[in-house]
C-alpha atoms as a PDB file:
ATOM      1  CA  UNK A   1     -18.117   8.583   0.761  1.00  0.00           C
ATOM      2  CA  UNK A   2     -17.595   4.846   1.539  1.00  0.00           C
ATOM      3  CA  UNK A   3     -18.237   3.935   5.183  1.00  0.00           C
ATOM      4  CA  UNK A   4     -18.082   0.074   7.276  1.00  0.00           C
ATOM      5  CA  UNK A   5     -14.083  -0.623   5.693  1.00  0.00           C
ATOM      6  CA  UNK A   6     -11.240  -0.110   6.447  1.00  0.00           C
ATOM      7  CA  UNK A   7      -8.799   3.167   5.568  1.00  0.00           C
ATOM      8  CA  UNK A   8      -5.768   2.420   2.744  1.00  0.00           C
ATOM      9  CA  UNK A   9      -3.611   4.687   1.457  1.00  0.00           C
ATOM     10  CA  UNK A  10      -1.386   4.028  -2.017  1.00  0.00           C
ATOM     11  CA  UNK A  11       1.718   6.528  -3.252  1.00  0.00           C
ATOM     12  CA  UNK A  12       4.178   6.899  -4.878  1.00  0.00           C
ATOM     13  CA  UNK A  13       7.184   9.011  -4.164  1.00  0.00           C
ATOM     14  CA  UNK A  14      10.642  10.630  -4.925  1.00  0.00           C
ATOM     15  CA  UNK A  15      12.742   9.597  -2.782  1.00  0.00           C
ATOM     16  CA  UNK A  16      16.581  11.462  -4.028  1.00  0.00           C
ATOM     17  CA  UNK A  17      18.696   8.627  -3.085  1.00  0.00           C
ATOM     18  CA  UNK A  18      16.559   5.801  -4.008  1.00  0.00           C
ATOM     19  CA  UNK A  19      14.755   6.977  -6.515  1.00  0.00           C
ATOM     20  CA  UNK A  20      10.421   6.753  -6.904  1.00  0.00           C
ATOM     21  CA  UNK A  21       8.847   4.281  -4.425  1.00  0.00           C
ATOM     22  CA  UNK A  22       5.620   2.676  -3.720  1.00  0.00           C
ATOM     23  CA  UNK A  23       3.369   3.429  -0.370  1.00  0.00           C
ATOM     24  CA  UNK A  24       1.291   0.910   1.367  1.00  0.00           C
ATOM     25  CA  UNK A  25      -0.714   1.797   5.101  1.00  0.00           C
ATOM     26  CA  UNK A  26      -4.023   2.141   6.841  1.00  0.00           C
ATOM     27  CA  UNK A  27      -4.755   5.008   5.429  1.00  0.00           C
ATOM     28  CA  UNK A  28      -6.352   7.881   8.016  1.00  0.00           C
ATOM     29  CA  UNK A  29      -5.626   8.823  11.270  1.00  0.00           C
ATOM     30  CA  UNK A  30      -3.189   5.365  11.148  1.00  0.00           C
ATOM     31  CA  UNK A  31      -0.868   6.684   7.662  1.00  0.00           C
ATOM     32  CA  UNK A  32      -1.641  10.560   9.699  1.00  0.00           C
ATOM     33  CA  UNK A  33      -0.920   9.409  13.340  1.00  0.00           C
ATOM     34  CA  UNK A  34       1.085   6.392  14.056  1.00  0.00           C
ATOM     35  CA  UNK A  35       2.743   6.541  10.395  1.00  0.00           C
ATOM     36  CA  UNK A  36       2.019   2.707   9.455  1.00  0.00           C
ATOM     37  CA  UNK A  37       3.319   2.145   5.857  1.00  0.00           C
ATOM     38  CA  UNK A  38       5.826   0.317   4.143  1.00  0.00           C
ATOM     39  CA  UNK A  39       7.642   1.084   0.957  1.00  0.00           C
ATOM     40  CA  UNK A  40       9.152  -0.329  -1.811  1.00  0.00           C
ATOM     41  CA  UNK A  41      12.017   0.848  -3.905  1.00  0.00           C
ATOM     42  CA  UNK A  42      10.254  -0.015  -7.794  1.00  0.00           C
ATOM     43  CA  UNK A  43      10.082  -1.603  -9.624  1.00  0.00           C
ATOM     44  CA  UNK A  44       8.121  -4.106  -7.265  1.00  0.00           C
ATOM     45  CA  UNK A  45       6.813  -7.992  -7.467  1.00  0.00           C
ATOM     46  CA  UNK A  46       3.566  -9.548  -6.973  1.00  0.00           C
ATOM     47  CA  UNK A  47       5.250 -10.946  -3.610  1.00  0.00           C
ATOM     48  CA  UNK A  48       6.881  -7.282  -2.826  1.00  0.00           C
ATOM     49  CA  UNK A  49       3.210  -6.915  -3.313  1.00  0.00           C
ATOM     50  CA  UNK A  50       2.241  -8.968  -0.262  1.00  0.00           C
ATOM     51  CA  UNK A  51       5.097  -8.128   1.681  1.00  0.00           C
ATOM     52  CA  UNK A  52       3.984  -4.703   1.725  1.00  0.00           C
ATOM     53  CA  UNK A  53       0.100  -4.991   3.073  1.00  0.00           C
ATOM     54  CA  UNK A  54       1.832  -7.465   5.339  1.00  0.00           C
ATOM     55  CA  UNK A  55       4.167  -5.911   6.264  1.00  0.00           C
ATOM     56  CA  UNK A  56       2.316  -2.986   8.044  1.00  0.00           C
ATOM     57  CA  UNK A  57       0.810  -2.754  11.421  1.00  0.00           C
ATOM     58  CA  UNK A  58      -2.953  -2.689  11.304  1.00  0.00           C
ATOM     59  CA  UNK A  59      -2.549  -5.680   8.647  1.00  0.00           C
ATOM     60  CA  UNK A  60      -5.064  -7.199  11.000  1.00  0.00           C
ATOM     61  CA  UNK A  61      -7.755  -5.064  10.144  1.00  0.00           C
ATOM     62  CA  UNK A  62      -7.539  -6.684   7.168  1.00  0.00           C
ATOM     63  CA  UNK A  63      -7.756 -10.207   8.100  1.00  0.00           C
ATOM     64  CA  UNK A  64     -10.752  -8.814   9.578  1.00  0.00           C
ATOM     65  CA  UNK A  65     -10.743  -7.973  13.578  1.00  0.00           C
ATOM     66  CA  UNK A  66     -14.391  -7.770  16.277  1.00  0.00           C
ATOM     67  CA  UNK A  67     -16.882  -9.498  13.993  1.00  0.00           C
ATOM     68  CA  UNK A  68     -16.106  -7.428  10.761  1.00  0.00           C
ATOM     69  CA  UNK A  69     -15.146  -9.095   7.627  1.00  0.00           C
ATOM     70  CA  UNK A  70     -12.138  -9.404   6.037  1.00  0.00           C
ATOM     71  CA  UNK A  71     -11.539  -7.463   2.996  1.00  0.00           C
ATOM     72  CA  UNK A  72      -8.911 -10.118   1.296  1.00  0.00           C
ATOM     73  CA  UNK A  73     -10.438 -10.700  -2.246  1.00  0.00           C
ATOM     74  CA  UNK A  74     -10.693  -6.428  -2.938  1.00  0.00           C
ATOM     75  CA  UNK A  75      -7.385  -6.111  -1.209  1.00  0.00           C
ATOM     76  CA  UNK A  76      -5.571  -9.057  -3.414  1.00  0.00           C
ATOM     77  CA  UNK A  77      -7.205  -7.243  -6.110  1.00  0.00           C
ATOM     78  CA  UNK A  78      -4.591  -3.990  -6.049  1.00  0.00           C
ATOM     79  CA  UNK A  79      -2.259  -5.963  -4.596  1.00  0.00           C
ATOM     80  CA  UNK A  80      -2.311  -7.308  -8.408  1.00  0.00           C
ATOM     81  CA  UNK A  81      -1.760  -3.586  -9.569  1.00  0.00           C
ATOM     82  CA  UNK A  82       1.407  -2.117  -7.669  1.00  0.00           C
ATOM     83  CA  UNK A  83       4.114  -3.589  -9.885  1.00  0.00           C
ATOM     84  CA  UNK A  84       2.019  -2.026 -12.794  1.00  0.00           C
ATOM     85  CA  UNK A  85       1.565   1.150 -10.923  1.00  0.00           C
ATOM     86  CA  UNK A  86       5.800   0.451  -9.170  1.00  0.00           C
ATOM     87  CA  UNK A  87       7.017  -0.291 -13.532  1.00  0.00           C
ATOM     88  CA  UNK A  88       5.259   3.075 -14.986  1.00  0.00           C
ATOM     89  CA  UNK A  89       6.722   5.238 -11.653  1.00  0.00           C
ATOM     90  CA  UNK A  90       9.829   3.948 -12.572  1.00  0.00           C
ATOM     91  CA  UNK A  91      10.135   4.544 -15.984  1.00  0.00           C
ATOM     92  CA  UNK A  92       8.336   8.216 -15.799  1.00  0.00           C
ATOM     93  CA  UNK A  93       9.998   9.433 -12.055  1.00  0.00           C
ATOM     94  CA  UNK A  94      10.139  13.306 -13.487  1.00  0.00           C
ATOM     95  CA  UNK A  95       6.866  14.036 -12.970  1.00  0.00           C
ATOM     96  CA  UNK A  96       7.106  12.448  -9.518  1.00  0.00           C
END
């Protein structure tokens, strides 16, 4: 297990009305207790991915907080994959 970072969560769920949704949020207690998650209908664009990250209440934790470094570079790499994941889940929605 890694230490000293910020936990994140990326997920996919099947909504009965909208179909496949992609989710992004802070992990651990943030997602379980505070429910700090942002959802988008798939497929999403690069801009949607950025909006999802900036749309969570804990975004400031990702920018660096109380002397902790920002994780922007690693987060950008991860966000670049969101649109591809969302397209794949739209195509393969039968297994979600």
